[in-house]
Amino acid sequence: MTMVLRARDVMTSRVVSVRPDTTLERARYLLTENRFSALPVVDDRHRLIGIISTFDLLRAEASPRDASTVGEVMTPDPLSLAPDATVPVISHRLREYGEMRVMPIVEGGRGGMLVGVVSRGDLLTPEPSGGPVGRFVQRRRRGGRAGAPLPGASDVRTGPTVADIMTPYEQVYDLTEDMPVTTAAALLREYRITAMPILTEDRHVLGILSEADLVPDTLSGRRTAPPSTVGGAMTQEVTCVRDTCSVSDLAHSMASNRLRTLPVVDHAGRMVGIVSRGDVLRATAPVGDGS
């Protein structure tokens, strides 16, 4: 008999959370330092009352309203599930609410005590050590981009344009259309990346594959089998950004259009890097921990 996995089996129980009176500077520091997409907001009894994401911070910065605390910009009364919720239910909810990448797990019903979180990454099954992922990494290290650090391993980049803050092409792991989705999912989980581009030989963007494309949803009612290759699962309509775009314009566009991760292209349309909400927040963060 196949064991049914539940939230308690896959959740992270040591959760970084904030209070509604936490400053936005502190929240941004916690998000960018830990490379999180969202933080649960709890009261003094550790009951879940909200959630604040990188999107909420970008939206606050783009707004003329002068907000200074988490409680002013958080999403109140967020969707949550109980520890005994099954993984298929969690997957379905995360896909149904596309902006969510983190599902809070609470005891005692909605607004109950926070006991953990489940991210989309937690729902991606890693490949065994030395399997396709290991072979893929070895090929990349032997290839033309040998020695490139893992994404996120470099120093924080600052500057006035997207080219100054993006992760450059040499440090980006791109995928191929014929790669199995199981290998791609393991790569996203291994390197804690939310999305990877799929490129032509001359570095034009064919598509992008994100965690949302890979999280299984057996409750969707779809009768066709899920795609087995990256080419079948990837999102083909990709929004790209020019390398000469200003960081301030990018931040406003991300906040206005709910954009998360964008390939960066040059004047000829060739990908030169990739940029995320986190990159924008890290690039504009003040010195210090915001406490």
C-alpha atoms as a PDB file:
ATOM      1  CA  MET A   1       0.000   0.000   0.000  1.00  0.00           C
ATOM      2  CA  THR A   2       1.320   3.419  -0.945  1.00  0.00           C
ATOM      3  CA  MET A   3       1.857   5.731   2.016  1.00  0.00           C
ATOM      4  CA  VAL A   4      -0.091   8.998   1.816  1.00  0.00           C
ATOM      5  CA  LEU A   5       2.226  11.901   2.589  1.00  0.00           C
ATOM      6  CA  ARG A   6       0.800  14.679   4.688  1.00  0.00           C
ATOM      7  CA  ALA A   7       1.859  18.208   5.548  1.00  0.00           C
ATOM      8  CA  ARG A   8       3.593  17.076   8.732  1.00  0.00           C
ATOM      9  CA  ASP A   9       5.773  14.714   6.661  1.00  0.00           C
ATOM     10  CA  VAL A  10       7.158  17.364   4.295  1.00  0.00           C
ATOM     11  CA  MET A  11       6.842  20.700   6.118  1.00  0.00           C
ATOM     12  CA  THR A  12       9.630  22.817   7.546  1.00  0.00           C
ATOM     13  CA  SER A  13       8.883  23.162  11.256  1.00  0.00           C
ATOM     14  CA  ARG A  14      11.630  25.646  12.170  1.00  0.00           C
ATOM     15  CA  VAL A  15       9.961  28.669  10.611  1.00  0.00           C
ATOM     16  CA  VAL A  16      11.288  32.220  10.442  1.00  0.00           C
ATOM     17  CA  SER A  17       8.327  34.494  11.193  1.00  0.00           C
ATOM     18  CA  VAL A  18       7.700  38.174  11.919  1.00  0.00           C
ATOM     19  CA  ARG A  19       5.228  40.225  13.957  1.00  0.00           C
ATOM     20  CA  PRO A  20       2.913  42.894  12.542  1.00  0.00           C
ATOM     21  CA  ASP A  21       5.002  45.622  14.222  1.00  0.00           C
ATOM     22  CA  THR A  22       8.240  44.359  12.629  1.00  0.00           C
ATOM     23  CA  THR A  23       9.761  47.038  10.402  1.00  0.00           C
ATOM     24  CA  LEU A  24       9.737  46.563   6.646  1.00  0.00           C
ATOM     25  CA  GLU A  25      13.522  46.957   6.651  1.00  0.00           C
ATOM     26  CA  ARG A  26      13.829  43.988   9.010  1.00  0.00           C
ATOM     27  CA  ALA A  27      11.391  41.907   6.956  1.00  0.00           C
ATOM     28  CA  ARG A  28      13.308  42.678   3.776  1.00  0.00           C
ATOM     29  CA  TYR A  29      16.568  41.674   5.461  1.00  0.00           C
ATOM     30  CA  LEU A  30      15.109  38.329   6.561  1.00  0.00           C
ATOM     31  CA  LEU A  31      13.657  37.629   3.119  1.00  0.00           C
ATOM     32  CA  THR A  32      16.807  38.537   1.200  1.00  0.00           C
ATOM     33  CA  GLU A  33      19.332  37.071   3.645  1.00  0.00           C
ATOM     34  CA  ASN A  34      17.559  33.705   3.686  1.00  0.00           C
ATOM     35  CA  ARG A  35      16.372  33.902   0.072  1.00  0.00           C
ATOM     36  CA  PHE A  36      12.777  33.290   1.120  1.00  0.00           C
ATOM     37  CA  SER A  37       9.772  34.254  -0.987  1.00  0.00           C
ATOM     38  CA  ALA A  38       7.486  34.929   1.986  1.00  0.00           C
ATOM     39  CA  LEU A  39       7.357  35.094   5.783  1.00  0.00           C
ATOM     40  CA  PRO A  40       4.407  34.139   8.026  1.00  0.00           C
ATOM     41  CA  VAL A  41       3.182  36.916  10.322  1.00  0.00           C
ATOM     42  CA  VAL A  42       2.183  35.828  13.844  1.00  0.00           C
ATOM     43  CA  ASP A  43       0.804  37.490  16.966  1.00  0.00           C
ATOM     44  CA  ASP A  44       2.249  37.250  20.473  1.00  0.00           C
ATOM     45  CA  ARG A  45       0.654  33.793  20.887  1.00  0.00           C
ATOM     46  CA  HIS A  46       2.243  32.562  17.653  1.00  0.00           C
ATOM     47  CA  ARG A  47      -1.123  32.439  15.871  1.00  0.00           C
ATOM     48  CA  LEU A  48      -1.032  33.028  12.128  1.00  0.00           C
ATOM     49  CA  ILE A  49      -2.519  36.425  11.233  1.00  0.00           C
ATOM     50  CA  GLY A  50      -0.901  37.204   7.884  1.00  0.00           C
ATOM     51  CA  ILE A  51       1.878  36.630   5.392  1.00  0.00           C
ATOM     52  CA  ILE A  52       4.349  39.045   3.799  1.00  0.00           C
ATOM     53  CA  SER A  53       6.106  38.274   0.527  1.00  0.00           C
ATOM     54  CA  THR A  54       8.734  39.819  -1.706  1.00  0.00           C
ATOM     55  CA  PHE A  55       5.832  40.956  -3.877  1.00  0.00           C
ATOM     56  CA  ASP A  56       4.268  42.798  -0.927  1.00  0.00           C
ATOM     57  CA  LEU A  57       7.550  44.632  -0.299  1.00  0.00           C
ATOM     58  CA  LEU A  58       8.005  45.608  -3.952  1.00  0.00           C
ATOM     59  CA  ARG A  59       4.402  46.788  -4.076  1.00  0.00           C
ATOM     60  CA  ALA A  60       4.946  48.860  -0.907  1.00  0.00           C
ATOM     61  CA  GLU A  61       8.051  50.484  -2.369  1.00  0.00           C
ATOM     62  CA  ALA A  62       6.200  51.363  -5.563  1.00  0.00           C
ATOM     63  CA  SER A  63       3.266  52.845  -3.636  1.00  0.00           C
ATOM     64  CA  PRO A  64       3.137  56.529  -2.715  1.00  0.00           C
ATOM     65  CA  ARG A  65       1.761  55.529   0.702  1.00  0.00           C
ATOM     66  CA  ASP A  66       4.459  55.675   3.374  1.00  0.00           C
ATOM     67  CA  ALA A  67       4.339  52.275   5.104  1.00  0.00           C
ATOM     68  CA  SER A  68       6.904  51.272   7.720  1.00  0.00           C
ATOM     69  CA  THR A  69       5.675  48.038   9.366  1.00  0.00           C
ATOM     70  CA  VAL A  70       4.761  44.540   8.242  1.00  0.00           C
ATOM     71  CA  GLY A  71       1.184  44.921   9.448  1.00  0.00           C
ATOM     72  CA  GLU A  72       0.580  47.753   7.001  1.00  0.00           C
ATOM     73  CA  VAL A  73       1.452  45.780   3.850  1.00  0.00           C
ATOM     74  CA  MET A  74       0.980  42.085   4.722  1.00  0.00           C
ATOM     75  CA  THR A  75      -1.771  39.896   3.301  1.00  0.00           C
ATOM     76  CA  PRO A  76      -4.078  39.299   6.281  1.00  0.00           C
ATOM     77  CA  ASP A  77      -5.855  36.037   7.115  1.00  0.00           C
ATOM     78  CA  PRO A  78      -3.916  33.959   4.565  1.00  0.00           C
ATOM     79  CA  LEU A  79      -4.924  30.542   3.313  1.00  0.00           C
ATOM     80  CA  SER A  80      -3.538  27.787   5.536  1.00  0.00           C
ATOM     81  CA  LEU A  81      -3.899  24.040   6.042  1.00  0.00           C
ATOM     82  CA  ALA A  82      -3.740  21.582   8.921  1.00  0.00           C
ATOM     83  CA  PRO A  83      -0.806  19.220   9.616  1.00  0.00           C
ATOM     84  CA  ASP A  84      -2.847  16.240   8.397  1.00  0.00           C
ATOM     85  CA  ALA A  85      -3.610  17.820   5.010  1.00  0.00           C
ATOM     86  CA  THR A  86      -2.436  15.519   2.220  1.00  0.00           C
ATOM     87  CA  VAL A  87       0.282  16.501  -0.228  1.00  0.00           C
ATOM     88  CA  PRO A  88      -2.147  16.338  -3.210  1.00  0.00           C
ATOM     89  CA  VAL A  89      -4.390  18.892  -1.461  1.00  0.00           C
ATOM     90  CA  ILE A  90      -1.410  21.165  -0.733  1.00  0.00           C
ATOM     91  CA  SER A  91      -0.228  20.892  -4.342  1.00  0.00           C
ATOM     92  CA  HIS A  92      -3.698  21.718  -5.652  1.00  0.00           C
ATOM     93  CA  ARG A  93      -4.033  24.786  -3.416  1.00  0.00           C
ATOM     94  CA  LEU A  94      -0.596  26.115  -4.361  1.00  0.00           C
ATOM     95  CA  ARG A  95      -1.394  25.728  -8.059  1.00  0.00           C
ATOM     96  CA  GLU A  96      -4.893  27.147  -7.697  1.00  0.00           C
ATOM     97  CA  TYR A  97      -3.516  30.240  -5.972  1.00  0.00           C
ATOM     98  CA  GLY A  98      -0.628  30.869  -8.345  1.00  0.00           C
ATOM     99  CA  GLU A  99       0.990  33.698  -6.389  1.00  0.00           C
ATOM    100  CA  MET A 100       1.469  31.459  -3.343  1.00  0.00           C
ATOM    101  CA  ARG A 101       4.756  29.615  -3.029  1.00  0.00           C
ATOM    102  CA  VAL A 102       4.445  28.893   0.687  1.00  0.00           C
ATOM    103  CA  MET A 103       1.544  27.200   2.481  1.00  0.00           C
ATOM    104  CA  PRO A 104       1.382  27.908   6.237  1.00  0.00           C
ATOM    105  CA  ILE A 105       0.510  24.873   8.359  1.00  0.00           C
ATOM    106  CA  VAL A 106      -1.494  25.621  11.506  1.00  0.00           C
ATOM    107  CA  GLU A 107      -3.089  23.706  14.358  1.00  0.00           C
ATOM    108  CA  GLY A 108      -6.550  24.609  15.577  1.00  0.00           C
ATOM    109  CA  GLY A 109      -8.132  25.768  12.335  1.00  0.00           C
ATOM    110  CA  ARG A 110      -7.705  28.963  10.360  1.00  0.00           C
ATOM    111  CA  GLY A 111      -5.920  31.572  12.461  1.00  0.00           C
ATOM    112  CA  GLY A 112      -4.518  28.807  14.681  1.00  0.00           C
ATOM    113  CA  MET A 113      -0.988  28.295  15.937  1.00  0.00           C
ATOM    114  CA  LEU A 114       1.694  28.184  13.227  1.00  0.00           C
ATOM    115  CA  VAL A 115       3.580  24.863  13.298  1.00  0.00           C
ATOM    116  CA  GLY A 116       5.302  24.842   9.908  1.00  0.00           C
ATOM    117  CA  VAL A 117       5.300  25.798   6.243  1.00  0.00           C
ATOM    118  CA  VAL A 118       5.332  23.819   3.007  1.00  0.00           C
ATOM    119  CA  SER A 119       6.906  25.395  -0.066  1.00  0.00           C
ATOM    120  CA  ARG A 120       6.643  24.348  -3.675  1.00  0.00           C
ATOM    121  CA  GLY A 121      10.245  23.229  -3.412  1.00  0.00           C
ATOM    122  CA  ASP A 122       9.257  20.811  -0.632  1.00  0.00           C
ATOM    123  CA  LEU A 123       6.884  19.138  -3.084  1.00  0.00           C
ATOM    124  CA  LEU A 124       9.547  18.502  -5.732  1.00  0.00           C
ATOM    125  CA  THR A 125      11.054  15.051  -5.305  1.00  0.00           C
ATOM    126  CA  PRO A 126      14.859  15.100  -5.561  1.00  0.00           C
ATOM    127  CA  GLU A 127      16.716  12.594  -7.689  1.00  0.00           C
ATOM    128  CA  PRO A 128      18.987  10.091  -5.892  1.00  0.00           C
ATOM    129  CA  SER A 129      22.560  11.263  -5.409  1.00  0.00           C
ATOM    130  CA  GLY A 130      24.680  10.532  -8.461  1.00  0.00           C
ATOM    131  CA  GLY A 131      21.650  10.171 -10.741  1.00  0.00           C
ATOM    132  CA  PRO A 132      20.689  12.479 -13.635  1.00  0.00           C
ATOM    133  CA  VAL A 133      21.325  15.579 -11.526  1.00  0.00           C
ATOM    134  CA  GLY A 134      24.842  14.505 -10.690  1.00  0.00           C
ATOM    135  CA  ARG A 135      25.560  13.725 -14.320  1.00  0.00           C
ATOM    136  CA  PHE A 136      24.077  17.067 -15.400  1.00  0.00           C
ATOM    137  CA  VAL A 137      26.249  19.040 -12.966  1.00  0.00           C
ATOM    138  CA  GLN A 138      29.343  17.123 -14.021  1.00  0.00           C
ATOM    139  CA  ARG A 139      28.625  17.901 -17.674  1.00  0.00           C
ATOM    140  CA  ARG A 140      28.234  21.595 -16.892  1.00  0.00           C
ATOM    141  CA  ARG A 141      31.502  21.654 -14.959  1.00  0.00           C
ATOM    142  CA  ARG A 142      33.265  20.076 -17.912  1.00  0.00           C
ATOM    143  CA  GLY A 143      31.580  22.381 -20.415  1.00  0.00           C
ATOM    144  CA  GLY A 144      32.062  25.941 -21.551  1.00  0.00           C
ATOM    145  CA  ARG A 145      30.882  27.426 -18.273  1.00  0.00           C
ATOM    146  CA  ALA A 146      33.156  25.369 -16.051  1.00  0.00           C
ATOM    147  CA  GLY A 147      33.880  26.829 -12.647  1.00  0.00           C
ATOM    148  CA  ALA A 148      30.805  29.072 -12.520  1.00  0.00           C
ATOM    149  CA  PRO A 149      29.543  29.400  -8.940  1.00  0.00           C
ATOM    150  CA  LEU A 150      26.158  28.090  -8.026  1.00  0.00           C
ATOM    151  CA  PRO A 151      23.326  30.597  -8.352  1.00  0.00           C
ATOM    152  CA  GLY A 152      23.148  32.767  -5.254  1.00  0.00           C
ATOM    153  CA  ALA A 153      26.752  32.113  -4.258  1.00  0.00           C
ATOM    154  CA  SER A 154      28.077  35.445  -5.481  1.00  0.00           C
ATOM    155  CA  ASP A 155      28.051  38.792  -3.697  1.00  0.00           C
ATOM    156  CA  VAL A 156      25.012  41.057  -3.764  1.00  0.00           C
ATOM    157  CA  ARG A 157      25.052  43.200  -6.887  1.00  0.00           C
ATOM    158  CA  THR A 158      23.928  46.812  -6.891  1.00  0.00           C
ATOM    159  CA  GLY A 159      23.588  49.375  -9.654  1.00  0.00           C
ATOM    160  CA  PRO A 160      21.227  51.538 -11.666  1.00  0.00           C
ATOM    161  CA  THR A 161      20.394  49.007 -14.398  1.00  0.00           C
ATOM    162  CA  VAL A 162      19.222  45.410 -14.622  1.00  0.00           C
ATOM    163  CA  ALA A 163      22.629  44.401 -16.027  1.00  0.00           C
ATOM    164  CA  ASP A 164      24.200  45.498 -12.739  1.00  0.00           C
ATOM    165  CA  ILE A 165      22.017  43.346 -10.463  1.00  0.00           C
ATOM    166  CA  MET A 166      21.158  40.281 -12.578  1.00  0.00           C
ATOM    167  CA  THR A 167      22.734  36.865 -12.235  1.00  0.00           C
ATOM    168  CA  PRO A 168      24.877  36.744 -15.405  1.00  0.00           C
ATOM    169  CA  TYR A 169      24.461  34.052 -18.040  1.00  0.00           C
ATOM    170  CA  GLU A 170      27.700  32.355 -16.978  1.00  0.00           C
ATOM    171  CA  GLN A 171      26.144  31.593 -13.588  1.00  0.00           C
ATOM    172  CA  VAL A 172      22.721  30.521 -14.860  1.00  0.00           C
ATOM    173  CA  TYR A 173      21.825  26.872 -15.297  1.00  0.00           C
ATOM    174  CA  ASP A 174      19.595  26.541 -18.339  1.00  0.00           C
ATOM    175  CA  LEU A 175      17.631  23.469 -19.377  1.00  0.00           C
ATOM    176  CA  THR A 176      17.043  21.555 -22.603  1.00  0.00           C
ATOM    177  CA  GLU A 177      13.631  20.741 -24.074  1.00  0.00           C
ATOM    178  CA  ASP A 178      14.237  16.992 -23.985  1.00  0.00           C
ATOM    179  CA  MET A 179      15.352  16.863 -20.325  1.00  0.00           C
ATOM    180  CA  PRO A 180      13.027  14.753 -18.113  1.00  0.00           C
ATOM    181  CA  VAL A 181      10.900  16.851 -15.761  1.00  0.00           C
ATOM    182  CA  THR A 182      12.089  14.697 -12.853  1.00  0.00           C
ATOM    183  CA  THR A 183      15.667  15.836 -13.462  1.00  0.00           C
ATOM    184  CA  ALA A 184      14.608  19.459 -13.845  1.00  0.00           C
ATOM    185  CA  ALA A 185      12.619  19.306 -10.598  1.00  0.00           C
ATOM    186  CA  ALA A 186      15.612  17.889  -8.755  1.00  0.00           C
ATOM    187  CA  LEU A 187      17.822  20.695 -10.093  1.00  0.00           C
ATOM    188  CA  LEU A 188      15.398  23.381  -8.936  1.00  0.00           C
ATOM    189  CA  ARG A 189      15.270  21.824  -5.495  1.00  0.00           C
ATOM    190  CA  GLU A 190      19.012  21.148  -5.265  1.00  0.00           C
ATOM    191  CA  TYR A 191      19.989  24.735  -6.011  1.00  0.00           C
ATOM    192  CA  ARG A 192      16.942  26.418  -4.424  1.00  0.00           C
ATOM    193  CA  ILE A 193      16.040  28.070  -7.736  1.00  0.00           C
ATOM    194  CA  THR A 194      12.446  28.979  -8.529  1.00  0.00           C
ATOM    195  CA  ALA A 195      12.813  28.985 -12.335  1.00  0.00           C
ATOM    196  CA  MET A 196      15.225  28.063 -15.116  1.00  0.00           C
ATOM    197  CA  PRO A 197      15.241  29.237 -18.754  1.00  0.00           C
ATOM    198  CA  ILE A 198      15.190  27.045 -21.857  1.00  0.00           C
ATOM    199  CA  LEU A 199      17.336  28.475 -24.647  1.00  0.00           C
ATOM    200  CA  THR A 200      18.135  27.940 -28.311  1.00  0.00           C
ATOM    201  CA  GLU A 201      21.737  27.336 -29.328  1.00  0.00           C
ATOM    202  CA  ASP A 202      22.176  31.070 -29.982  1.00  0.00           C
ATOM    203  CA  ARG A 203      20.759  31.917 -26.504  1.00  0.00           C
ATOM    204  CA  HIS A 204      17.294  33.096 -27.506  1.00  0.00           C
ATOM    205  CA  VAL A 205      14.624  32.262 -24.926  1.00  0.00           C
ATOM    206  CA  LEU A 206      12.317  29.380 -25.862  1.00  0.00           C
ATOM    207  CA  GLY A 207      10.554  29.201 -22.512  1.00  0.00           C
ATOM    208  CA  ILE A 208      10.951  29.129 -18.759  1.00  0.00           C
ATOM    209  CA  LEU A 209      10.309  26.312 -16.306  1.00  0.00           C
ATOM    210  CA  SER A 210       9.265  27.174 -12.764  1.00  0.00           C
ATOM    211  CA  GLU A 211       8.315  25.245  -9.655  1.00  0.00           C
ATOM    212  CA  ALA A 212       4.682  26.055 -10.462  1.00  0.00           C
ATOM    213  CA  ASP A 213       5.014  24.160 -13.761  1.00  0.00           C
ATOM    214  CA  LEU A 214       6.293  21.072 -11.959  1.00  0.00           C
ATOM    215  CA  VAL A 215       4.219  20.788  -8.782  1.00  0.00           C
ATOM    216  CA  PRO A 216       1.838  17.898  -9.469  1.00  0.00           C
ATOM    217  CA  ASP A 217      -1.892  18.548  -9.195  1.00  0.00           C
ATOM    218  CA  THR A 218      -3.772  15.274  -9.168  1.00  0.00           C
ATOM    219  CA  LEU A 219      -6.973  17.043  -8.079  1.00  0.00           C
ATOM    220  CA  SER A 220      -7.195  19.350 -11.092  1.00  0.00           C
ATOM    221  CA  GLY A 221      -9.531  17.029 -13.005  1.00  0.00           C
ATOM    222  CA  ARG A 222      -7.163  16.937 -15.981  1.00  0.00           C
ATOM    223  CA  ARG A 223      -7.328  13.540 -17.647  1.00  0.00           C
ATOM    224  CA  THR A 224      -4.217  13.785 -19.795  1.00  0.00           C
ATOM    225  CA  ALA A 225      -0.914  12.572 -18.411  1.00  0.00           C
ATOM    226  CA  PRO A 226       1.420  15.301 -17.105  1.00  0.00           C
ATOM    227  CA  PRO A 227       4.316  16.247 -19.418  1.00  0.00           C
ATOM    228  CA  SER A 228       7.394  14.077 -19.092  1.00  0.00           C
ATOM    229  CA  THR A 229       9.888  16.502 -20.633  1.00  0.00           C
ATOM    230  CA  VAL A 230      10.835  20.116 -20.000  1.00  0.00           C
ATOM    231  CA  GLY A 231       9.598  21.108 -23.460  1.00  0.00           C
ATOM    232  CA  GLY A 232       6.109  19.892 -22.658  1.00  0.00           C
ATOM    233  CA  ALA A 233       5.956  21.469 -19.201  1.00  0.00           C
ATOM    234  CA  MET A 234       7.634  24.842 -19.761  1.00  0.00           C
ATOM    235  CA  THR A 235       5.828  28.167 -20.094  1.00  0.00           C
ATOM    236  CA  GLN A 236       6.393  29.389 -23.659  1.00  0.00           C
ATOM    237  CA  GLU A 237       5.051  32.937 -23.338  1.00  0.00           C
ATOM    238  CA  VAL A 238       7.951  34.498 -21.461  1.00  0.00           C
ATOM    239  CA  THR A 239       8.294  38.140 -20.447  1.00  0.00           C
ATOM    240  CA  CYS A 240      11.887  39.293 -20.828  1.00  0.00           C
ATOM    241  CA  VAL A 241      13.570  42.517 -19.713  1.00  0.00           C
ATOM    242  CA  ARG A 242      16.314  44.496 -21.450  1.00  0.00           C
ATOM    243  CA  ASP A 243      19.676  44.699 -19.716  1.00  0.00           C
ATOM    244  CA  THR A 244      19.560  48.506 -19.984  1.00  0.00           C
ATOM    245  CA  CYS A 245      16.276  48.813 -18.046  1.00  0.00           C
ATOM    246  CA  SER A 246      16.616  50.761 -14.797  1.00  0.00           C
ATOM    247  CA  VAL A 247      16.252  48.917 -11.498  1.00  0.00           C
ATOM    248  CA  SER A 248      13.525  51.331 -10.402  1.00  0.00           C
ATOM    249  CA  ASP A 249      11.498  50.702 -13.579  1.00  0.00           C
ATOM    250  CA  LEU A 250      11.932  46.949 -13.156  1.00  0.00           C
ATOM    251  CA  ALA A 251      10.769  47.101  -9.533  1.00  0.00           C
ATOM    252  CA  HIS A 252       7.663  49.041 -10.543  1.00  0.00           C
ATOM    253  CA  SER A 253       6.915  46.614 -13.395  1.00  0.00           C
ATOM    254  CA  MET A 254       7.335  43.572 -11.142  1.00  0.00           C
ATOM    255  CA  ALA A 255       5.002  45.081  -8.552  1.00  0.00           C
ATOM    256  CA  SER A 256       2.413  46.169 -11.123  1.00  0.00           C
ATOM    257  CA  ASN A 257       2.368  42.964 -13.167  1.00  0.00           C
ATOM    258  CA  ARG A 258       3.107  40.381 -10.457  1.00  0.00           C
ATOM    259  CA  LEU A 259       6.287  39.273 -12.229  1.00  0.00           C
ATOM    260  CA  ARG A 260       8.667  37.014 -10.349  1.00  0.00           C
ATOM    261  CA  THR A 261      11.677  35.873 -12.406  1.00  0.00           C
ATOM    262  CA  LEU A 262      12.647  37.355 -15.776  1.00  0.00           C
ATOM    263  CA  PRO A 263      15.279  36.430 -18.368  1.00  0.00           C
ATOM    264  CA  VAL A 264      17.438  39.439 -19.234  1.00  0.00           C
ATOM    265  CA  VAL A 265      18.229  39.974 -22.924  1.00  0.00           C
ATOM    266  CA  ASP A 266      20.517  42.269 -24.908  1.00  0.00           C
ATOM    267  CA  HIS A 267      19.675  44.403 -27.955  1.00  0.00           C
ATOM    268  CA  ALA A 268      19.716  41.297 -30.171  1.00  0.00           C
ATOM    269  CA  GLY A 269      17.316  39.341 -27.943  1.00  0.00           C
ATOM    270  CA  ARG A 270      19.988  36.977 -26.610  1.00  0.00           C
ATOM    271  CA  MET A 271      19.802  36.054 -22.943  1.00  0.00           C
ATOM    272  CA  VAL A 272      22.583  37.629 -20.893  1.00  0.00           C
ATOM    273  CA  GLY A 273      21.276  36.830 -17.415  1.00  0.00           C
ATOM    274  CA  ILE A 274      18.273  36.371 -15.169  1.00  0.00           C
ATOM    275  CA  VAL A 275      16.743  38.628 -12.512  1.00  0.00           C
ATOM    276  CA  SER A 276      14.262  37.976  -9.705  1.00  0.00           C
ATOM    277  CA  ARG A 277      12.292  39.905  -7.116  1.00  0.00           C
ATOM    278  CA  GLY A 278      14.918  38.941  -4.573  1.00  0.00           C
ATOM    279  CA  ASP A 279      17.669  40.464  -6.705  1.00  0.00           C
ATOM    280  CA  VAL A 280      15.774  43.771  -6.794  1.00  0.00           C
ATOM    281  CA  LEU A 281      15.210  43.758  -3.031  1.00  0.00           C
ATOM    282  CA  ARG A 282      18.826  42.829  -2.269  1.00  0.00           C
ATOM    283  CA  ALA A 283      20.122  45.521  -4.605  1.00  0.00           C
ATOM    284  CA  THR A 284      18.058  48.242  -2.942  1.00  0.00           C
ATOM    285  CA  ALA A 285      18.361  47.057   0.670  1.00  0.00           C
ATOM    286  CA  PRO A 286      19.904  49.513   3.160  1.00  0.00           C
ATOM    287  CA  VAL A 287      23.142  48.589   4.926  1.00  0.00           C
ATOM    288  CA  GLY A 288      22.524  46.667   8.156  1.00  0.00           C
ATOM    289  CA  ASP A 289      19.941  44.137   9.264  1.00  0.00           C
ATOM    290  CA  GLY A 290      17.024  46.506   9.555  1.00  0.00           C
ATOM    291  CA  SER A 291      16.549  45.735  13.241  1.00  0.00           C
END
